[in-house]
Amino acid sequence: MQIYNVPYNFKHEEKVFGGYVSIRQAIYLIFGATMLGIFFVPIINIFIKSFLFLIFTTMFILFAFLKIDETNADKYFIYILNFFFRKKKYILEKGK
């Protein structure tokens, strides 16, 4: 039996669930669906519950499906957080 090298395609996510949703997207959709649990908290006002549900569910749906310049939105968000929270070097040049 011959052995063939299989090239890896890292630019494309494999659609596992029904050929439409990848594992990463399915996880974000599950997180968005679990946000329905916020409606079972009896202490919070219904308007605050609705607001929080809309914010977090929208965020998870965008993380699942939105691409910004061929980069997934969740990775883009992590890049932004890393930029703001990393230690920065400031160089002071005299004579300018």
PDB file of N, CA and C in Angstrom:
ATOM      1  N   MET A   1       0.844  -1.175   0.000  1.00  0.00           N
ATOM      2  CA  MET A   1       0.000   0.000   0.000  1.00  0.00           C
ATOM      3  C   MET A   1       0.896   1.247   0.000  1.00  0.00           C
ATOM      4  N   GLN A   2       0.584   2.174  -0.875  1.00  0.00           N
ATOM      5  CA  GLN A   2       1.355   3.404  -0.953  1.00  0.00           C
ATOM      6  C   GLN A   2       0.849   4.413   0.067  1.00  0.00           C
ATOM      7  N   ILE A   3       1.763   5.238   0.535  1.00  0.00           N
ATOM      8  CA  ILE A   3       1.422   6.298   1.481  1.00  0.00           C
ATOM      9  C   ILE A   3       1.534   7.627   0.747  1.00  0.00           C
ATOM     10  N   TYR A   4       0.482   8.436   0.842  1.00  0.00           N
ATOM     11  CA  TYR A   4       0.447   9.740   0.190  1.00  0.00           C
ATOM     12  C   TYR A   4       0.408  10.836   1.250  1.00  0.00           C
ATOM     13  N   ASN A   5       1.119  11.900   0.986  1.00  0.00           N
ATOM     14  CA  ASN A   5       1.046  13.065   1.866  1.00  0.00           C
ATOM     15  C   ASN A   5      -0.217  13.841   1.548  1.00  0.00           C
ATOM     16  N   VAL A   6      -0.969  14.151   2.572  1.00  0.00           N
ATOM     17  CA  VAL A   6      -2.206  14.904   2.396  1.00  0.00           C
ATOM     18  C   VAL A   6      -1.925  16.355   2.773  1.00  0.00           C
ATOM     19  N   PRO A   7      -2.119  17.284   1.848  1.00  0.00           N
ATOM     20  CA  PRO A   7      -1.877  18.692   2.186  1.00  0.00           C
ATOM     21  C   PRO A   7      -2.963  19.219   3.123  1.00  0.00           C
ATOM     22  N   TYR A   8      -2.545  20.035   4.050  1.00  0.00           N
ATOM     23  CA  TYR A   8      -3.484  20.632   4.998  1.00  0.00           C
ATOM     24  C   TYR A   8      -4.009  21.940   4.434  1.00  0.00           C
ATOM     25  N   ASN A   9      -5.280  22.157   4.599  1.00  0.00           N
ATOM     26  CA  ASN A   9      -5.903  23.394   4.160  1.00  0.00           C
ATOM     27  C   ASN A   9      -6.374  24.143   5.401  1.00  0.00           C
ATOM     28  N   PHE A  10      -5.561  25.065   5.884  1.00  0.00           N
ATOM     29  CA  PHE A  10      -5.894  25.792   7.095  1.00  0.00           C
ATOM     30  C   PHE A  10      -6.735  27.037   6.825  1.00  0.00           C
ATOM     31  N   LYS A  11      -6.951  27.363   5.584  1.00  0.00           N
ATOM     32  CA  LYS A  11      -7.755  28.538   5.264  1.00  0.00           C
ATOM     33  C   LYS A  11      -9.246  28.239   5.304  1.00  0.00           C
ATOM     34  N   HIS A  12      -9.608  26.986   5.368  1.00  0.00           N
ATOM     35  CA  HIS A  12     -11.009  26.593   5.282  1.00  0.00           C
ATOM     36  C   HIS A  12     -11.382  25.758   6.499  1.00  0.00           C
ATOM     37  N   GLU A  13     -12.475  26.132   7.172  1.00  0.00           N
ATOM     38  CA  GLU A  13     -12.981  25.334   8.284  1.00  0.00           C
ATOM     39  C   GLU A  13     -13.870  24.230   7.736  1.00  0.00           C
ATOM     40  N   GLU A  14     -13.718  23.054   8.283  1.00  0.00           N
ATOM     41  CA  GLU A  14     -14.545  21.944   7.835  1.00  0.00           C
ATOM     42  C   GLU A  14     -15.927  22.063   8.459  1.00  0.00           C
ATOM     43  N   LYS A  15     -16.939  22.040   7.624  1.00  0.00           N
ATOM     44  CA  LYS A  15     -18.326  22.134   8.088  1.00  0.00           C
ATOM     45  C   LYS A  15     -18.782  20.749   8.522  1.00  0.00           C
ATOM     46  N   VAL A  16     -18.935  20.554   9.813  1.00  0.00           N
ATOM     47  CA  VAL A  16     -19.199  19.233  10.360  1.00  0.00           C
ATOM     48  C   VAL A  16     -20.689  18.970  10.517  1.00  0.00           C
ATOM     49  N   PHE A  17     -21.427  19.941  10.988  1.00  0.00           N
ATOM     50  CA  PHE A  17     -22.842  19.754  11.303  1.00  0.00           C
ATOM     51  C   PHE A  17     -23.712  20.129  10.107  1.00  0.00           C
ATOM     52  N   GLY A  18     -24.137  19.127   9.370  1.00  0.00           N
ATOM     53  CA  GLY A  18     -25.022  19.337   8.236  1.00  0.00           C
ATOM     54  C   GLY A  18     -24.366  20.012   7.052  1.00  0.00           C
ATOM     55  N   GLY A  19     -23.063  20.156   7.079  1.00  0.00           N
ATOM     56  CA  GLY A  19     -22.374  20.827   5.991  1.00  0.00           C
ATOM     57  C   GLY A  19     -22.506  22.336   6.019  1.00  0.00           C
ATOM     58  N   TYR A  20     -23.074  22.881   7.092  1.00  0.00           N
ATOM     59  CA  TYR A  20     -23.291  24.325   7.181  1.00  0.00           C
ATOM     60  C   TYR A  20     -22.542  24.977   8.335  1.00  0.00           C
ATOM     61  N   VAL A  21     -22.311  24.232   9.423  1.00  0.00           N
ATOM     62  CA  VAL A  21     -21.767  24.824  10.642  1.00  0.00           C
ATOM     63  C   VAL A  21     -20.529  24.039  11.073  1.00  0.00           C
ATOM     64  N   SER A  22     -19.444  24.771  11.366  1.00  0.00           N
ATOM     65  CA  SER A  22     -18.235  24.123  11.862  1.00  0.00           C
ATOM     66  C   SER A  22     -18.342  23.930  13.378  1.00  0.00           C
ATOM     67  N   ILE A  23     -17.364  23.258  13.936  1.00  0.00           N
ATOM     68  CA  ILE A  23     -17.383  23.009  15.382  1.00  0.00           C
ATOM     69  C   ILE A  23     -17.286  24.326  16.146  1.00  0.00           C
ATOM     70  N   ARG A  24     -16.415  25.233  15.697  1.00  0.00           N
ATOM     71  CA  ARG A  24     -16.270  26.533  16.355  1.00  0.00           C
ATOM     72  C   ARG A  24     -17.588  27.299  16.337  1.00  0.00           C
ATOM     73  N   GLN A  25     -18.258  27.301  15.188  1.00  0.00           N
ATOM     74  CA  GLN A  25     -19.533  28.000  15.076  1.00  0.00           C
ATOM     75  C   GLN A  25     -20.597  27.342  15.944  1.00  0.00           C
ATOM     76  N   ALA A  26     -20.602  26.014  16.009  1.00  0.00           N
ATOM     77  CA  ALA A  26     -21.588  25.305  16.829  1.00  0.00           C
ATOM     78  C   ALA A  26     -21.403  25.632  18.303  1.00  0.00           C
ATOM     79  N   ILE A  27     -20.163  25.742  18.750  1.00  0.00           N
ATOM     80  CA  ILE A  27     -19.910  26.081  20.156  1.00  0.00           C
ATOM     81  C   ILE A  27     -20.428  27.475  20.467  1.00  0.00           C
ATOM     82  N   TYR A  28     -20.187  28.435  19.584  1.00  0.00           N
ATOM     83  CA  TYR A  28     -20.701  29.787  19.818  1.00  0.00           C
ATOM     84  C   TYR A  28     -22.221  29.829  19.785  1.00  0.00           C
ATOM     85  N   LEU A  29     -22.837  29.055  18.910  1.00  0.00           N
ATOM     86  CA  LEU A  29     -24.302  29.010  18.876  1.00  0.00           C
ATOM     87  C   LEU A  29     -24.866  28.368  20.138  1.00  0.00           C
ATOM     88  N   ILE A  30     -24.179  27.379  20.676  1.00  0.00           N
ATOM     89  CA  ILE A  30     -24.618  26.771  21.940  1.00  0.00           C
ATOM     90  C   ILE A  30     -24.496  27.772  23.077  1.00  0.00           C
ATOM     91  N   PHE A  31     -23.400  28.543  23.111  1.00  0.00           N
ATOM     92  CA  PHE A  31     -23.266  29.591  24.133  1.00  0.00           C
ATOM     93  C   PHE A  31     -24.388  30.615  24.011  1.00  0.00           C
ATOM     94  N   GLY A  32     -24.721  30.993  22.783  1.00  0.00           N
ATOM     95  CA  GLY A  32     -25.812  31.941  22.574  1.00  0.00           C
ATOM     96  C   GLY A  32     -27.148  31.387  23.030  1.00  0.00           C
ATOM     97  N   ALA A  33     -27.376  30.098  22.793  1.00  0.00           N
ATOM     98  CA  ALA A  33     -28.638  29.483  23.214  1.00  0.00           C
ATOM     99  C   ALA A  33     -28.718  29.348  24.731  1.00  0.00           C
ATOM    100  N   THR A  34     -27.592  29.132  25.381  1.00  0.00           N
ATOM    101  CA  THR A  34     -27.616  29.022  26.844  1.00  0.00           C
ATOM    102  C   THR A  34     -27.881  30.363  27.512  1.00  0.00           C
ATOM    103  N   MET A  35     -27.763  31.436  26.757  1.00  0.00           N
ATOM    104  CA  MET A  35     -28.092  32.745  27.329  1.00  0.00           C
ATOM    105  C   MET A  35     -29.586  32.861  27.623  1.00  0.00           C
ATOM    106  N   LEU A  36     -30.391  31.934  27.111  1.00  0.00           N
ATOM    107  CA  LEU A  36     -31.811  31.909  27.475  1.00  0.00           C
ATOM    108  C   LEU A  36     -31.991  31.651  28.965  1.00  0.00           C
ATOM    109  N   GLY A  37     -30.998  31.057  29.590  1.00  0.00           N
ATOM    110  CA  GLY A  37     -31.064  30.784  31.023  1.00  0.00           C
ATOM    111  C   GLY A  37     -31.135  32.032  31.867  1.00  0.00           C
ATOM    112  N   ILE A  38     -30.766  33.185  31.308  1.00  0.00           N
ATOM    113  CA  ILE A  38     -30.837  34.432  32.065  1.00  0.00           C
ATOM    114  C   ILE A  38     -32.285  34.805  32.384  1.00  0.00           C
ATOM    115  N   PHE A  39     -33.220  34.288  31.608  1.00  0.00           N
ATOM    116  CA  PHE A  39     -34.625  34.593  31.869  1.00  0.00           C
ATOM    117  C   PHE A  39     -35.159  33.849  33.092  1.00  0.00           C
ATOM    118  N   PHE A  40     -34.418  32.874  33.592  1.00  0.00           N
ATOM    119  CA  PHE A  40     -34.871  32.127  34.760  1.00  0.00           C
ATOM    120  C   PHE A  40     -34.337  32.698  36.069  1.00  0.00           C
ATOM    121  N   VAL A  41     -33.577  33.793  36.008  1.00  0.00           N
ATOM    122  CA  VAL A  41     -33.097  34.454  37.222  1.00  0.00           C
ATOM    123  C   VAL A  41     -34.224  35.345  37.729  1.00  0.00           C
ATOM    124  N   PRO A  42     -34.786  35.060  38.909  1.00  0.00           N
ATOM    125  CA  PRO A  42     -35.982  35.784  39.353  1.00  0.00           C
ATOM    126  C   PRO A  42     -35.710  37.190  39.881  1.00  0.00           C
ATOM    127  N   ILE A  43     -34.475  37.528  40.187  1.00  0.00           N
ATOM    128  CA  ILE A  43     -34.179  38.805  40.846  1.00  0.00           C
ATOM    129  C   ILE A  43     -34.133  39.965  39.853  1.00  0.00           C
ATOM    130  N   ILE A  44     -33.709  39.707  38.646  1.00  0.00           N
ATOM    131  CA  ILE A  44     -33.450  40.761  37.666  1.00  0.00           C
ATOM    132  C   ILE A  44     -34.739  41.148  36.938  1.00  0.00           C
ATOM    133  N   ASN A  45     -34.874  42.438  36.650  1.00  0.00           N
ATOM    134  CA  ASN A  45     -36.011  42.983  35.903  1.00  0.00           C
ATOM    135  C   ASN A  45     -36.028  42.399  34.478  1.00  0.00           C
ATOM    136  N   ILE A  46     -37.211  42.257  33.904  1.00  0.00           N
ATOM    137  CA  ILE A  46     -37.363  41.645  32.577  1.00  0.00           C
ATOM    138  C   ILE A  46     -36.697  42.479  31.485  1.00  0.00           C
ATOM    139  N   PHE A  47     -36.654  43.800  31.640  1.00  0.00           N
ATOM    140  CA  PHE A  47     -36.013  44.646  30.634  1.00  0.00           C
ATOM    141  C   PHE A  47     -34.497  44.464  30.660  1.00  0.00           C
ATOM    142  N   ILE A  48     -33.936  44.330  31.853  1.00  0.00           N
ATOM    143  CA  ILE A  48     -32.496  44.083  31.967  1.00  0.00           C
ATOM    144  C   ILE A  48     -32.162  42.699  31.418  1.00  0.00           C
ATOM    145  N   LYS A  49     -33.014  41.716  31.705  1.00  0.00           N
ATOM    146  CA  LYS A  49     -32.810  40.367  31.169  1.00  0.00           C
ATOM    147  C   LYS A  49     -32.814  40.386  29.642  1.00  0.00           C
ATOM    148  N   SER A  50     -33.782  41.083  29.067  1.00  0.00           N
ATOM    149  CA  SER A  50     -33.883  41.149  27.605  1.00  0.00           C
ATOM    150  C   SER A  50     -32.672  41.846  26.998  1.00  0.00           C
ATOM    151  N   PHE A  51     -32.244  42.936  27.635  1.00  0.00           N
ATOM    152  CA  PHE A  51     -31.088  43.682  27.151  1.00  0.00           C
ATOM    153  C   PHE A  51     -29.833  42.812  27.181  1.00  0.00           C
ATOM    154  N   LEU A  52     -29.583  42.140  28.306  1.00  0.00           N
ATOM    155  CA  LEU A  52     -28.411  41.272  28.417  1.00  0.00           C
ATOM    156  C   LEU A  52     -28.472  40.113  27.426  1.00  0.00           C
ATOM    157  N   PHE A  53     -29.663  39.545  27.261  1.00  0.00           N
ATOM    158  CA  PHE A  53     -29.831  38.445  26.308  1.00  0.00           C
ATOM    159  C   PHE A  53     -29.502  38.902  24.894  1.00  0.00           C
ATOM    160  N   LEU A  54     -30.014  40.055  24.494  1.00  0.00           N
ATOM    161  CA  LEU A  54     -29.754  40.556  23.142  1.00  0.00           C
ATOM    162  C   LEU A  54     -28.274  40.862  22.921  1.00  0.00           C
ATOM    163  N   ILE A  55     -27.639  41.469  23.913  1.00  0.00           N
ATOM    164  CA  ILE A  55     -26.222  41.818  23.782  1.00  0.00           C
ATOM    165  C   ILE A  55     -25.366  40.563  23.620  1.00  0.00           C
ATOM    166  N   PHE A  56     -25.511  39.620  24.543  1.00  0.00           N
ATOM    167  CA  PHE A  56     -24.645  38.439  24.513  1.00  0.00           C
ATOM    168  C   PHE A  56     -24.968  37.505  23.350  1.00  0.00           C
ATOM    169  N   THR A  57     -26.239  37.348  23.034  1.00  0.00           N
ATOM    170  CA  THR A  57     -26.598  36.478  21.916  1.00  0.00           C
ATOM    171  C   THR A  57     -26.100  37.063  20.596  1.00  0.00           C
ATOM    172  N   THR A  58     -26.228  38.363  20.426  1.00  0.00           N
ATOM    173  CA  THR A  58     -25.710  39.016  19.225  1.00  0.00           C
ATOM    174  C   THR A  58     -24.200  38.851  19.135  1.00  0.00           C
ATOM    175  N   MET A  59     -23.515  39.005  20.265  1.00  0.00           N
ATOM    176  CA  MET A  59     -22.065  38.849  20.283  1.00  0.00           C
ATOM    177  C   MET A  59     -21.664  37.430  19.864  1.00  0.00           C
ATOM    178  N   PHE A  60     -22.346  36.415  20.398  1.00  0.00           N
ATOM    179  CA  PHE A  60     -21.994  35.040  20.061  1.00  0.00           C
ATOM    180  C   PHE A  60     -22.327  34.715  18.605  1.00  0.00           C
ATOM    181  N   ILE A  61     -23.416  35.240  18.086  1.00  0.00           N
ATOM    182  CA  ILE A  61     -23.758  34.997  16.682  1.00  0.00           C
ATOM    183  C   ILE A  61     -22.735  35.671  15.760  1.00  0.00           C
ATOM    184  N   LEU A  62     -22.307  36.884  16.123  1.00  0.00           N
ATOM    185  CA  LEU A  62     -21.279  37.551  15.326  1.00  0.00           C
ATOM    186  C   LEU A  62     -19.961  36.797  15.395  1.00  0.00           C
ATOM    187  N   PHE A  63     -19.603  36.301  16.573  1.00  0.00           N
ATOM    188  CA  PHE A  63     -18.378  35.513  16.695  1.00  0.00           C
ATOM    189  C   PHE A  63     -18.449  34.247  15.849  1.00  0.00           C
ATOM    190  N   ALA A  64     -19.637  33.692  15.699  1.00  0.00           N
ATOM    191  CA  ALA A  64     -19.781  32.448  14.946  1.00  0.00           C
ATOM    192  C   ALA A  64     -19.682  32.677  13.439  1.00  0.00           C
ATOM    193  N   PHE A  65     -20.273  33.749  12.917  1.00  0.00           N
ATOM    194  CA  PHE A  65     -20.429  33.858  11.466  1.00  0.00           C
ATOM    195  C   PHE A  65     -19.719  35.040  10.810  1.00  0.00           C
ATOM    196  N   LEU A  66     -19.369  36.091  11.537  1.00  0.00           N
ATOM    197  CA  LEU A  66     -18.807  37.293  10.920  1.00  0.00           C
ATOM    198  C   LEU A  66     -17.317  37.132  10.653  1.00  0.00           C
ATOM    199  N   LYS A  67     -16.897  37.581   9.473  1.00  0.00           N
ATOM    200  CA  LYS A  67     -15.480  37.629   9.129  1.00  0.00           C
ATOM    201  C   LYS A  67     -15.112  39.072   8.814  1.00  0.00           C
ATOM    202  N   ILE A  68     -13.984  39.499   9.366  1.00  0.00           N
ATOM    203  CA  ILE A  68     -13.469  40.842   9.124  1.00  0.00           C
ATOM    204  C   ILE A  68     -12.123  40.675   8.427  1.00  0.00           C
ATOM    205  N   ASP A  69     -12.031  41.097   7.193  1.00  0.00           N
ATOM    206  CA  ASP A  69     -10.812  40.950   6.387  1.00  0.00           C
ATOM    207  C   ASP A  69     -10.297  39.515   6.409  1.00  0.00           C
ATOM    208  N   GLU A  70     -11.171  38.556   6.139  1.00  0.00           N
ATOM    209  CA  GLU A  70     -10.843  37.130   6.087  1.00  0.00           C
ATOM    210  C   GLU A  70     -10.356  36.571   7.430  1.00  0.00           C
ATOM    211  N   THR A  71     -10.628  37.282   8.529  1.00  0.00           N
ATOM    212  CA  THR A  71     -10.311  36.806   9.874  1.00  0.00           C
ATOM    213  C   THR A  71     -11.621  36.669  10.628  1.00  0.00           C
ATOM    214  N   ASN A  72     -11.795  35.547  11.315  1.00  0.00           N
ATOM    215  CA  ASN A  72     -13.019  35.348  12.083  1.00  0.00           C
ATOM    216  C   ASN A  72     -13.133  36.402  13.178  1.00  0.00           C
ATOM    217  N   ALA A  73     -14.357  36.791  13.495  1.00  0.00           N
ATOM    218  CA  ALA A  73     -14.586  37.887  14.435  1.00  0.00           C
ATOM    219  C   ALA A  73     -14.072  37.563  15.826  1.00  0.00           C
ATOM    220  N   ASP A  74     -14.118  36.302  16.252  1.00  0.00           N
ATOM    221  CA  ASP A  74     -13.617  35.966  17.578  1.00  0.00           C
ATOM    222  C   ASP A  74     -12.102  36.142  17.659  1.00  0.00           C
ATOM    223  N   LYS A  75     -11.386  35.747  16.625  1.00  0.00           N
ATOM    224  CA  LYS A  75      -9.935  35.951  16.602  1.00  0.00           C
ATOM    225  C   LYS A  75      -9.603  37.435  16.515  1.00  0.00           C
ATOM    226  N   TYR A  76     -10.387  38.171  15.755  1.00  0.00           N
ATOM    227  CA  TYR A  76     -10.177  39.612  15.623  1.00  0.00           C
ATOM    228  C   TYR A  76     -10.363  40.304  16.972  1.00  0.00           C
ATOM    229  N   PHE A  77     -11.386  39.871  17.720  1.00  0.00           N
ATOM    230  CA  PHE A  77     -11.646  40.424  19.047  1.00  0.00           C
ATOM    231  C   PHE A  77     -10.488  40.118  19.995  1.00  0.00           C
ATOM    232  N   ILE A  78      -9.937  38.916  19.920  1.00  0.00           N
ATOM    233  CA  ILE A  78      -8.795  38.555  20.763  1.00  0.00           C
ATOM    234  C   ILE A  78      -7.572  39.377  20.375  1.00  0.00           C
ATOM    235  N   TYR A  79      -7.367  39.617  19.082  1.00  0.00           N
ATOM    236  CA  TYR A  79      -6.256  40.465  18.643  1.00  0.00           C
ATOM    237  C   TYR A  79      -6.392  41.880  19.201  1.00  0.00           C
ATOM    238  N   ILE A  80      -7.608  42.408  19.214  1.00  0.00           N
ATOM    239  CA  ILE A  80      -7.841  43.748  19.757  1.00  0.00           C
ATOM    240  C   ILE A  80      -7.544  43.781  21.249  1.00  0.00           C
ATOM    241  N   LEU A  81      -8.025  42.774  21.990  1.00  0.00           N
ATOM    242  CA  LEU A  81      -7.747  42.716  23.429  1.00  0.00           C
ATOM    243  C   LEU A  81      -6.254  42.601  23.701  1.00  0.00           C
ATOM    244  N   ASN A  82      -5.556  41.775  22.937  1.00  0.00           N
ATOM    245  CA  ASN A  82      -4.108  41.648  23.106  1.00  0.00           C
ATOM    246  C   ASN A  82      -3.401  42.966  22.832  1.00  0.00           C
ATOM    247  N   PHE A  83      -3.862  43.707  21.850  1.00  0.00           N
ATOM    248  CA  PHE A  83      -3.245  44.994  21.543  1.00  0.00           C
ATOM    249  C   PHE A  83      -3.406  45.972  22.697  1.00  0.00           C
ATOM    250  N   PHE A  84      -4.601  46.029  23.286  1.00  0.00           N
ATOM    251  CA  PHE A  84      -4.838  46.998  24.343  1.00  0.00           C
ATOM    252  C   PHE A  84      -4.186  46.613  25.668  1.00  0.00           C
ATOM    253  N   PHE A  85      -4.037  45.326  25.941  1.00  0.00           N
ATOM    254  CA  PHE A  85      -3.547  44.907  27.250  1.00  0.00           C
ATOM    255  C   PHE A  85      -2.092  44.451  27.265  1.00  0.00           C
ATOM    256  N   ARG A  86      -1.429  44.444  26.125  1.00  0.00           N
ATOM    257  CA  ARG A  86      -0.027  44.043  26.136  1.00  0.00           C
ATOM    258  C   ARG A  86       0.841  45.205  26.613  1.00  0.00           C
ATOM    259  N   LYS A  87       2.024  44.861  27.077  1.00  0.00           N
ATOM    260  CA  LYS A  87       2.957  45.885  27.521  1.00  0.00           C
ATOM    261  C   LYS A  87       3.564  46.544  26.287  1.00  0.00           C
ATOM    262  N   LYS A  88       3.530  47.854  26.286  1.00  0.00           N
ATOM    263  CA  LYS A  88       4.021  48.599  25.131  1.00  0.00           C
ATOM    264  C   LYS A  88       5.334  49.284  25.491  1.00  0.00           C
ATOM    265  N   LYS A  89       6.204  49.408  24.507  1.00  0.00           N
ATOM    266  CA  LYS A  89       7.470  50.102  24.693  1.00  0.00           C
ATOM    267  C   LYS A  89       7.361  51.480  24.054  1.00  0.00           C
ATOM    268  N   TYR A  90       7.727  52.483  24.819  1.00  0.00           N
ATOM    269  CA  TYR A  90       7.729  53.848  24.312  1.00  0.00           C
ATOM    270  C   TYR A  90       9.177  54.316  24.243  1.00  0.00           C
ATOM    271  N   ILE A  91       9.604  54.745  23.080  1.00  0.00           N
ATOM    272  CA  ILE A  91      10.981  55.170  22.875  1.00  0.00           C
ATOM    273  C   ILE A  91      10.998  56.684  22.735  1.00  0.00           C
ATOM    274  N   LEU A  92      11.780  57.329  23.604  1.00  0.00           N
ATOM    275  CA  LEU A  92      11.908  58.781  23.567  1.00  0.00           C
ATOM    276  C   LEU A  92      13.198  59.131  22.846  1.00  0.00           C
ATOM    277  N   GLU A  93      13.075  59.882  21.766  1.00  0.00           N
ATOM    278  CA  GLU A  93      14.247  60.293  21.007  1.00  0.00           C
ATOM    279  C   GLU A  93      14.465  61.780  21.216  1.00  0.00           C
ATOM    280  N   LYS A  94      15.666  62.132  21.636  1.00  0.00           N
ATOM    281  CA  LYS A  94      15.995  63.543  21.837  1.00  0.00           C
ATOM    282  C   LYS A  94      16.409  64.172  20.514  1.00  0.00           C
ATOM    283  N   GLY A  95      16.212  65.463  20.443  1.00  0.00           N
ATOM    284  CA  GLY A  95      16.660  66.192  19.275  1.00  0.00           C
ATOM    285  C   GLY A  95      15.612  66.358  18.192  1.00  0.00           C
ATOM    286  N   LYS A  96      14.398  65.936  18.433  1.00  0.00           N
ATOM    287  CA  LYS A  96      13.366  66.112  17.406  1.00  0.00           C
ATOM    288  C   LYS A  96      12.380  67.151  17.828  1.00  0.00           C
TER     289      LYS A  96
END
